[in-house]
Amino acid sequence: MNIKEIQQLIKFVAKSGVSEVKIESKDLKLSVKTGVSGNVVSHTEPVLVNAQPLVQSIPSETHSEPEKTQVSDANEADHLITIKSPIIGTFYRKPSPDKPNFIEIGDSIKEGSVLCVVEAMKLFNEIESEYSGKIVKILVDDASPVEFDQPLFVVDPS
């Protein structure tokens, strides 16, 4: 199991709401637990077979990657612009739970318009558009973890 697969498993566990997942085979032990505060803690114990680590894949039905499909579809049209996350954190579409979303699909935006907030270490960072145009797609679900440079929005600048 490689690092990317472990990260995908951690994201899956965090989104699913379960508190613990254990995967054990004769050559690999992996345990992912969420703490009381919702923080994800992972621990692996690789076991070597004939001095070579075992590499396993997570079955495709246990995780899905709709964002990659949507991004590749959006990038087929050369004139569309993808706005990416400048930081790691949790993506929120609204400034607070009782307020409306910053933007919706079809909204026109201007350079400097606030698109969302990304919370990192209890700080809420407003993500502003560097482009003017129309929102074509929103690639991330509300309250989802995002990584640096992960596509968030697709904008039609025309």
Foldseek 3Di string as FASTA:
>chain_A
DDPVQVVQVQLLCLVVVDAKDWDDDPFWTWIWGQDPVSRIDIDIDGHDDPNHTDDDHDPDVSGDDVLVVVVVVLVVPVQKDFDFDQAWAWKAQDPDPVGDGQDDAFDWDAFQRFGTWGDDPNDTHTDTHRATAGWHDARDDHRGTHHHGRTGTMGRRD
